[in-house]
């Protein structure tokens, strides 16, 4: 058993190395820790302890205090390893300093992003008042949008999509810019390691992962009796208006997804990788924080989003940028908004944990990995989408099992 276990683990490690994830150009400029067992163990244990503490605090606070929850999570995750390492030297001390720099960069980014949101809100209020809109009407509209009974129509839905796209985009771009400035890291590498932004990879992620999700949704409808709400048809009065809705929603959701990818698969992924050599640790951190920021602590939804965050991180590492994962992220959100449920600002009440949801989450995670590898390994798709992360040999993983 032990021999077989080591053999299987060795094969898995060999495939992982062959995929080139650890050698992704996203990580090449990061000064990653040396392979000293004590420092690695300190990093992993303290990181996971910080994540657990942050999740417990978030769960106790509830979904009505997302901003406080995020700040508490960032502070705890960063300070736990720093406090643990106060009495240590060498590797542990360097890790502590790295976390303190990450804390400073995160706080600078959060402060700048919050200021941008406040400024956008003030500008919007001034514009509405200048157009003759009663402030009381604006306040009533905001309360209505946040109501569980709110049923958005065609134009309110598009307005909501674009409001989220503009506010999230401005806030998260400001966050990454200031955090990169304070952390003394190149801003461009949070987008891509290629010479320029790769639009074909974004389109490839959108089409390939969208097709995979579409097939998965059809299987659930045909074989498991899931009902399709199809809000796009309920909202659109005609086919041309429906196509216009799809086009405008796609652009808005792409901006919103790109903003999230920039923060999590761009800035956070690179900086977390600079603090541990254990790839699974910073992938797990990325997925858990990505899920926590959404403020939905329903256990089924939380696990699904965390798995999606880990999968999108794998995409970014394999492709050497966030273009492909941005397209896949957009496809996921677009499928939900157009065919499953309308966009809303209200977090649904938590449901009891359903072990069956793990099957769907596992299938989704496998789809993310499979779509990534298909895009790299199928020659005509690779030619259409563009080159992935340099140095990753598409055939090396196959040879690892030969």
Protein backbone atom coordinates (compact mmCIF):
# COMPACT_ATOMS: atom_id res chain seq x y z
CA UNK A 1 0.00 0.00 0.00
CA UNK A 2 2.72 2.44 0.93
CA UNK A 3 4.68 1.67 -2.21
CA UNK A 4 1.60 2.03 -4.40
CA UNK A 5 0.64 5.23 -2.61
CA UNK A 6 4.06 6.73 -3.19
CA UNK A 7 3.98 5.56 -6.80
CA UNK A 8 0.61 7.15 -7.45
CA UNK A 9 1.61 10.35 -5.68
CA UNK A 10 4.84 10.40 -7.66
CA UNK A 11 2.89 10.08 -10.91
CA UNK A 12 0.57 12.91 -9.89
CA UNK A 13 3.55 15.10 -9.00
CA UNK A 14 5.21 14.19 -12.32
CA UNK A 15 2.11 15.19 -14.27
CA UNK A 16 1.82 18.42 -12.29
CA UNK A 17 5.42 19.32 -13.12
CA UNK A 18 4.89 18.38 -16.75
CA UNK A 19 1.93 20.73 -17.01
CA UNK A 20 4.27 23.59 -16.17
CA UNK A 21 2.01 25.24 -13.58
CA UNK A 22 4.86 25.93 -11.17
CA UNK A 23 6.89 27.37 -14.05
CA UNK A 24 4.10 29.66 -15.26
CA UNK A 25 5.42 33.05 -16.41
CA UNK A 26 2.94 34.62 -14.00
CA UNK A 27 5.24 33.47 -11.19
CA UNK A 28 8.70 33.93 -12.69
CA UNK A 29 9.40 37.37 -11.25
CA UNK A 30 8.22 36.39 -7.76
CA UNK A 31 10.95 35.63 -5.21
CA UNK A 32 9.42 32.45 -3.85
CA UNK A 33 10.59 30.93 -0.53
CA UNK A 34 13.40 28.42 -0.39
CA UNK A 35 12.53 24.76 0.09
CA UNK A 36 13.14 24.66 3.84
CA UNK A 37 10.72 22.34 5.53
CA UNK A 38 10.18 24.45 8.63
CA UNK A 39 9.39 27.62 6.70
CA UNK A 40 7.08 25.78 4.32
CA UNK A 41 5.22 24.14 7.20
CA UNK A 42 4.90 27.49 8.99
CA UNK A 43 3.55 29.14 5.85
CA UNK A 44 0.99 26.40 5.11
CA UNK A 45 -0.29 26.00 8.68
CA UNK A 46 -0.53 29.72 9.35
CA UNK A 47 -2.22 30.41 6.01
CA UNK A 48 -4.87 27.74 6.56
CA UNK A 49 -5.37 28.81 10.17
CA UNK A 50 -5.88 32.36 8.99
CA UNK A 51 -8.40 31.24 6.37
CA UNK A 52 -10.33 29.21 8.94
CA UNK A 53 -10.42 32.11 11.40
CA UNK A 54 -11.56 34.50 8.67
CA UNK A 55 -14.37 32.17 7.59
CA UNK A 56 -15.59 31.71 11.17
CA UNK A 57 -15.68 35.47 11.70
CA UNK A 58 -17.44 36.01 8.37
CA UNK A 59 -20.01 33.35 9.25
CA UNK A 60 -20.69 34.96 12.64
CA UNK A 61 -20.96 38.46 11.18
CA UNK A 62 -23.36 37.42 8.42
CA UNK A 63 -23.82 38.68 4.90
CA UNK A 64 -24.87 42.18 5.95
CA UNK A 65 -21.31 43.32 6.68
CA UNK A 66 -19.35 42.25 3.61
CA UNK A 67 -16.97 45.19 3.77
CA UNK A 68 -16.06 44.56 7.40
CA UNK A 69 -15.79 40.84 6.68
CA UNK A 70 -13.36 41.37 3.82
CA UNK A 71 -11.13 43.69 5.85
CA UNK A 72 -11.19 41.26 8.80
CA UNK A 73 -10.37 38.32 6.53
CA UNK A 74 -7.45 40.10 4.89
CA UNK A 75 -6.12 41.29 8.24
CA UNK A 76 -6.34 37.91 9.93
CA UNK A 77 -4.91 35.93 7.04
CA UNK A 78 -1.99 38.31 6.81
CA UNK A 79 -1.31 38.81 10.52
CA UNK A 80 -1.54 35.20 11.74
CA UNK A 81 1.68 34.08 10.04
CA UNK A 82 3.35 37.35 10.97
CA UNK A 83 2.53 36.86 14.65
CA UNK A 84 3.58 33.22 14.56
CA UNK A 85 6.91 34.19 13.03
CA UNK A 86 7.76 37.01 15.47
CA UNK A 87 10.01 34.78 17.52
CA UNK A 88 11.50 33.02 14.50
CA UNK A 89 14.41 33.81 12.26
CA UNK A 90 15.53 33.12 8.72
CA UNK A 91 12.83 31.72 6.45
CA UNK A 92 9.98 32.42 8.88
CA UNK A 93 11.10 36.02 9.31
CA UNK A 94 11.19 36.57 5.56
CA UNK A 95 7.71 35.09 5.24
CA UNK A 96 6.45 37.40 7.98
CA UNK A 97 7.87 40.45 6.21
CA UNK A 98 6.29 39.28 2.98
CA UNK A 99 2.89 39.04 4.64
CA UNK A 100 3.28 42.47 6.21
CA UNK A 101 4.05 43.96 2.80
CA UNK A 102 1.00 42.17 1.42
CA UNK A 103 -1.12 43.61 4.23
CA UNK A 104 0.11 47.12 3.48
CA UNK A 105 -0.54 46.71 -0.24
CA UNK A 106 -4.01 45.26 0.42
CA UNK A 107 -5.01 48.09 2.76
CA UNK A 108 -3.77 50.67 0.25
CA UNK A 109 -5.77 49.01 -2.50
CA UNK A 110 -8.92 48.71 -0.37
CA UNK A 111 -8.67 52.36 0.66
CA UNK A 112 -8.22 53.54 -2.92
CA UNK A 113 -11.01 51.32 -4.22
CA UNK A 114 -13.41 52.55 -1.53
CA UNK A 115 -12.63 56.17 -2.34
CA UNK A 116 -13.32 55.53 -6.03
CA UNK A 117 -16.71 53.96 -5.23
CA UNK A 118 -17.66 56.93 -3.03
CA UNK A 119 -16.64 59.35 -5.79
CA UNK A 120 -18.68 57.44 -8.38
CA UNK A 121 -21.70 57.48 -6.07
CA UNK A 122 -21.37 61.25 -5.55
CA UNK A 123 -21.08 61.84 -9.31
CA UNK A 124 -24.15 59.68 -9.97
CA UNK A 125 -26.19 61.54 -7.34
CA UNK A 126 -25.16 64.94 -8.75
CA UNK A 127 -26.06 63.85 -12.29
CA UNK A 128 -29.48 62.54 -11.23
CA UNK A 129 -30.27 65.71 -9.27
CA UNK A 130 -29.15 67.84 -12.22
CA UNK A 131 -31.57 65.86 -14.41
CA UNK A 132 -34.42 66.68 -12.03
CA UNK A 133 -34.66 63.36 -10.19
CA UNK A 134 -36.02 63.70 -6.64
CA UNK A 135 -33.51 62.37 -4.05
CA UNK A 136 -36.39 60.62 -2.27
CA UNK A 137 -37.16 58.75 -5.49
CA UNK A 138 -33.51 57.65 -5.72
CA UNK A 139 -33.59 56.41 -2.13
CA UNK A 140 -36.80 54.48 -2.78
CA UNK A 141 -35.31 52.94 -5.93
CA UNK A 142 -32.25 51.76 -4.02
CA UNK A 143 -34.44 50.15 -1.35
CA UNK A 144 -36.54 48.49 -4.06
CA UNK A 145 -33.47 47.00 -5.78
CA UNK A 146 -32.31 45.55 -2.47
CA UNK A 147 -35.72 44.04 -1.75
CA UNK A 148 -36.16 40.25 -2.12
CA UNK A 149 -39.39 40.92 -4.04
CA UNK A 150 -37.67 43.03 -6.71
CA UNK A 151 -38.29 41.65 -10.22
CA UNK A 152 -36.11 43.62 -12.67
CA UNK A 153 -37.40 44.34 -16.13
CA UNK A 154 -35.46 44.64 -19.39
CA UNK A 155 -33.78 48.02 -18.93
CA UNK A 156 -33.42 47.82 -15.10
CA UNK A 157 -31.60 44.50 -15.56
CA UNK A 158 -29.18 46.01 -18.08
CA UNK A 159 -28.71 49.04 -15.84
CA UNK A 160 -27.88 46.74 -12.93
CA UNK A 161 -25.38 44.75 -15.01
CA UNK A 162 -23.60 47.87 -16.19
CA UNK A 163 -23.66 49.52 -12.76
CA UNK A 164 -21.88 46.49 -11.33
CA UNK A 165 -19.47 46.44 -14.28
CA UNK A 166 -18.51 50.11 -13.88
CA UNK A 167 -18.29 50.15 -10.08
CA UNK A 168 -16.49 46.81 -9.77
CA UNK A 169 -14.17 47.65 -12.64
CA UNK A 170 -13.20 51.05 -11.24
CA UNK A 171 -12.80 49.80 -7.68
CA UNK A 172 -10.79 46.69 -8.51
CA UNK A 173 -8.57 48.39 -11.07
CA UNK A 174 -7.76 51.04 -8.47
CA UNK A 175 -7.13 48.31 -5.89
CA UNK A 176 -4.67 46.43 -8.10
CA UNK A 177 -2.93 49.62 -9.26
CA UNK A 178 -2.33 50.90 -5.73
CA UNK A 179 -1.51 47.45 -4.34
CA UNK A 180 1.01 46.88 -7.14
CA UNK A 181 2.49 50.31 -6.55
CA UNK A 182 2.91 49.75 -2.81
CA UNK A 183 4.07 46.17 -3.29
CA UNK A 184 6.54 47.28 -5.99
CA UNK A 185 5.26 44.78 -8.59
CA UNK A 186 4.58 45.48 -12.30
CA UNK A 187 0.89 46.20 -12.91
CA UNK A 188 0.97 44.69 -16.40
CA UNK A 189 1.85 41.22 -15.13
CA UNK A 190 -1.44 41.11 -13.24
CA UNK A 191 -3.15 41.17 -16.65
CA UNK A 192 -0.92 39.02 -18.83
CA UNK A 193 2.66 37.94 -19.42
CA UNK A 194 2.24 38.31 -23.19
CA UNK A 195 3.37 41.43 -25.00
CA UNK A 196 -0.23 42.59 -25.36
CA UNK A 197 -3.70 41.58 -24.24
CA UNK A 198 -4.80 38.39 -26.06
CA UNK A 199 -8.38 38.92 -27.22
CA UNK A 200 -8.50 35.51 -28.93
CA UNK A 201 -7.86 33.78 -25.61
CA UNK A 202 -10.70 35.72 -24.01
CA UNK A 203 -13.03 34.70 -26.85
CA UNK A 204 -11.77 31.12 -26.63
CA UNK A 205 -12.52 30.89 -22.91
CA UNK A 206 -15.98 32.39 -23.49
CA UNK A 207 -16.92 30.01 -26.31
CA UNK A 208 -15.31 26.78 -25.08
CA UNK A 209 -16.35 26.99 -21.44
CA UNK A 210 -19.74 28.42 -22.42
CA UNK A 211 -20.33 25.40 -24.67
CA UNK A 212 -19.27 23.01 -21.90
CA UNK A 213 -21.59 24.69 -19.39
CA UNK A 214 -24.42 24.63 -21.94
CA UNK A 215 -24.07 20.88 -22.38
CA UNK A 216 -23.94 20.41 -18.61
CA UNK A 217 -27.12 22.49 -18.22
CA UNK A 218 -28.94 20.49 -20.92
CA UNK A 219 -28.01 17.24 -19.20
CA UNK A 220 -29.46 18.53 -15.93
CA UNK A 221 -32.68 19.61 -17.66
CA UNK A 222 -33.16 16.42 -19.69
CA UNK A 223 -32.06 13.77 -17.21
CA UNK A 224 -32.54 15.36 -13.79
CA UNK A 225 -35.68 17.45 -14.35
CA UNK A 226 -34.15 20.83 -13.59
CA UNK A 227 -36.39 23.67 -14.74
CA UNK A 228 -34.94 26.38 -16.99
CA UNK A 229 -36.18 29.85 -16.00
CA UNK A 230 -34.86 31.48 -19.21
CA UNK A 231 -35.07 35.10 -17.95
CA UNK A 232 -33.69 36.42 -21.24
CA UNK A 233 -36.88 35.40 -23.04
CA UNK A 234 -39.14 36.62 -20.24
CA UNK A 235 -37.47 40.06 -20.24
CA UNK A 236 -37.18 40.64 -23.99
CA UNK A 237 -40.32 41.77 -25.85
CA UNK A 238 -38.96 40.66 -29.24
CA UNK A 239 -36.09 38.74 -30.85
CA UNK A 240 -34.10 41.89 -31.85
CA UNK A 241 -34.45 43.27 -28.32
CA UNK A 242 -33.37 39.89 -26.96
CA UNK A 243 -30.24 39.89 -29.11
CA UNK A 244 -29.49 43.47 -28.01
CA UNK A 245 -29.89 42.38 -24.39
CA UNK A 246 -27.47 39.48 -24.90
CA UNK A 247 -24.88 41.73 -26.56
CA UNK A 248 -25.04 44.49 -23.94
CA UNK A 249 -25.10 42.01 -21.06
CA UNK A 250 -22.12 40.14 -22.52
CA UNK A 251 -19.99 43.29 -22.67
CA UNK A 252 -20.99 44.39 -19.18
CA UNK A 253 -20.45 40.96 -17.66
CA UNK A 254 -17.06 40.69 -19.39
CA UNK A 255 -15.95 43.93 -17.72
CA UNK A 256 -17.23 42.73 -14.35
CA UNK A 257 -15.60 39.30 -14.71
CA UNK A 258 -12.35 40.87 -15.91
CA UNK A 259 -12.25 43.07 -12.80
CA UNK A 260 -12.60 40.05 -10.52
CA UNK A 261 -10.03 38.08 -12.49
CA UNK A 262 -7.60 40.99 -12.30
CA UNK A 263 -7.76 41.00 -8.49
CA UNK A 264 -7.87 37.26 -7.81
CA UNK A 265 -6.16 35.52 -10.72
CA UNK A 266 -3.88 38.46 -11.46
CA UNK A 267 -2.70 40.30 -8.35
CA UNK A 268 -3.62 37.91 -5.52
CA UNK A 269 -2.48 34.73 -7.28
CA UNK A 270 0.96 36.16 -8.00
CA UNK A 271 1.48 37.66 -4.55
CA UNK A 272 0.25 34.58 -2.67
CA UNK A 273 2.57 32.46 -4.81
CA UNK A 274 5.45 34.64 -3.68
CA UNK A 275 4.91 33.51 -0.09
CA UNK A 276 4.87 29.73 -0.47
CA UNK A 277 6.24 27.15 -2.88
CA UNK A 278 3.28 24.86 -2.26
CA UNK A 279 1.08 25.50 -5.27
CA UNK A 280 -1.99 23.89 -3.73
CA UNK A 281 -1.81 26.33 -0.81
CA UNK A 282 -2.06 29.53 -2.83
CA UNK A 283 -4.62 27.95 -5.18
CA UNK A 284 -6.77 27.10 -2.16
CA UNK A 285 -6.32 30.61 -0.74
CA UNK A 286 -7.41 32.08 -4.04
CA UNK A 287 -10.52 29.95 -4.29
CA UNK A 288 -11.65 30.47 -0.69
CA UNK A 289 -11.14 34.25 -0.75
CA UNK A 290 -12.83 34.50 -4.14
CA UNK A 291 -15.88 32.76 -2.70
CA UNK A 292 -15.82 34.71 0.58
CA UNK A 293 -15.83 38.11 -1.14
CA UNK A 294 -19.19 37.28 -2.76
CA UNK A 295 -20.71 37.30 0.74
CA UNK A 296 -22.81 34.18 0.14
CA UNK A 297 -22.06 31.63 2.88
CA UNK A 298 -24.55 29.03 1.82
CA UNK A 299 -22.29 25.95 2.10
CA UNK A 300 -23.27 24.58 -1.32
CA UNK A 301 -22.73 27.88 -3.14
CA UNK A 302 -19.57 28.65 -1.16
CA UNK A 303 -17.89 25.37 -2.06
CA UNK A 304 -18.91 25.71 -5.71
CA UNK A 305 -17.46 29.24 -5.98
CA UNK A 306 -14.28 28.20 -4.19
CA UNK A 307 -13.80 25.31 -6.63
CA UNK A 308 -14.43 27.70 -9.51
CA UNK A 309 -11.82 30.09 -8.12
CA UNK A 310 -9.24 27.29 -7.92
CA UNK A 311 -10.10 26.21 -11.48
CA UNK A 312 -9.81 29.73 -12.88
CA UNK A 313 -6.46 30.07 -11.08
CA UNK A 314 -5.29 26.93 -12.89
CA UNK A 315 -6.44 28.50 -16.18
CA UNK A 316 -4.47 31.68 -15.52
CA UNK A 317 -1.31 29.78 -14.60
CA UNK A 318 -1.51 27.51 -17.63
CA UNK A 319 -2.22 30.32 -20.07
CA UNK A 320 0.15 32.86 -18.54
CA UNK A 321 -2.52 35.53 -18.07
CA UNK A 322 -6.13 36.20 -17.13
CA UNK A 323 -7.55 36.42 -20.66
CA UNK A 324 -8.79 32.83 -20.95
CA UNK A 325 -10.14 32.73 -17.37
CA UNK A 326 -11.91 36.07 -17.95
CA UNK A 327 -13.72 34.55 -20.93
CA UNK A 328 -14.67 31.45 -18.92
CA UNK A 329 -15.81 33.59 -15.98
CA UNK A 330 -17.96 35.66 -18.34
CA UNK A 331 -19.51 32.50 -19.82
CA UNK A 332 -20.46 31.30 -16.33
CA UNK A 333 -22.10 34.61 -15.36
CA UNK A 334 -23.77 35.01 -18.74
CA UNK A 335 -25.32 31.55 -18.55
CA UNK A 336 -26.73 32.33 -15.09
CA UNK A 337 -28.16 35.75 -16.02
CA UNK A 338 -29.62 34.69 -19.38
CA UNK A 339 -30.89 31.19 -18.72
CA UNK A 340 -31.06 30.40 -15.00
CA UNK A 341 -32.02 33.38 -12.81
CA UNK A 342 -32.13 37.19 -13.16
CA UNK A 343 -29.33 39.24 -11.64
CA UNK A 344 -30.15 40.52 -8.15
CA UNK A 345 -28.34 42.24 -5.29
CA UNK A 346 -30.14 40.13 -2.70
CA UNK A 347 -28.22 37.17 -1.26
CA UNK A 348 -30.52 34.14 -1.07
CA UNK A 349 -31.03 32.55 2.36
CA UNK A 350 -28.57 29.74 3.12
CA UNK A 351 -29.71 26.19 2.43
CA UNK A 352 -28.69 23.03 4.33
CA UNK A 353 -25.60 21.33 3.01
CA UNK A 354 -26.45 18.93 0.19
CA UNK A 355 -23.82 16.22 -0.42
CA UNK A 356 -25.22 15.83 -3.93
CA UNK A 357 -24.04 19.36 -4.76
CA UNK A 358 -20.46 18.09 -4.47
CA UNK A 359 -21.06 15.97 -7.58
CA UNK A 360 -22.11 19.01 -9.62
CA UNK A 361 -19.22 21.03 -8.22
CA UNK A 362 -16.76 18.25 -9.09
CA UNK A 363 -18.12 18.04 -12.64
CA UNK A 364 -17.78 21.82 -13.02
CA UNK A 365 -14.20 21.73 -11.73
CA UNK A 366 -13.29 18.90 -14.11
CA UNK A 367 -14.85 20.86 -16.97
CA UNK A 368 -12.65 23.87 -16.18
CA UNK A 369 -9.48 21.76 -16.21
CA UNK A 370 -10.60 19.82 -19.32
CA UNK A 371 -11.47 22.96 -21.29
CA UNK A 372 -8.09 24.44 -20.44
CA UNK A 373 -6.18 21.37 -21.56
CA UNK A 374 -8.30 20.92 -24.71
CA UNK A 375 -7.61 24.54 -25.67
CA UNK A 376 -3.87 23.86 -25.32
CA UNK A 377 -3.61 20.33 -26.71
CA UNK A 378 -5.99 20.32 -29.70
CA UNK A 379 -3.86 21.77 -32.52
CA UNK A 380 -6.51 23.73 -34.43
CA UNK A 381 -7.93 25.21 -31.21
CA UNK A 382 -4.46 26.17 -30.02
CA UNK A 383 -3.87 27.88 -33.37
CA UNK A 384 -7.17 29.79 -33.12
CA UNK A 385 -6.87 30.82 -29.47
CA UNK A 386 -3.16 31.52 -29.35
CA UNK A 387 -0.17 30.18 -27.41
CA UNK A 388 -0.44 29.29 -23.72
CA UNK A 389 2.11 29.70 -20.99
CA UNK A 390 5.61 29.39 -22.51
CA UNK A 391 7.54 26.34 -21.41
CA UNK A 392 4.56 24.07 -20.74
CA UNK A 393 4.79 21.02 -22.98
CA UNK A 394 1.25 19.88 -23.96
CA UNK A 395 2.40 16.30 -24.52
CA UNK A 396 4.56 15.96 -21.44
CA UNK A 397 1.67 14.95 -19.14
CA UNK A 398 0.69 12.15 -21.50
CA UNK A 399 4.26 10.83 -21.47
CA UNK A 400 4.22 10.86 -17.66
CA UNK A 401 1.77 7.92 -17.67
CA UNK A 402 3.43 5.99 -20.50
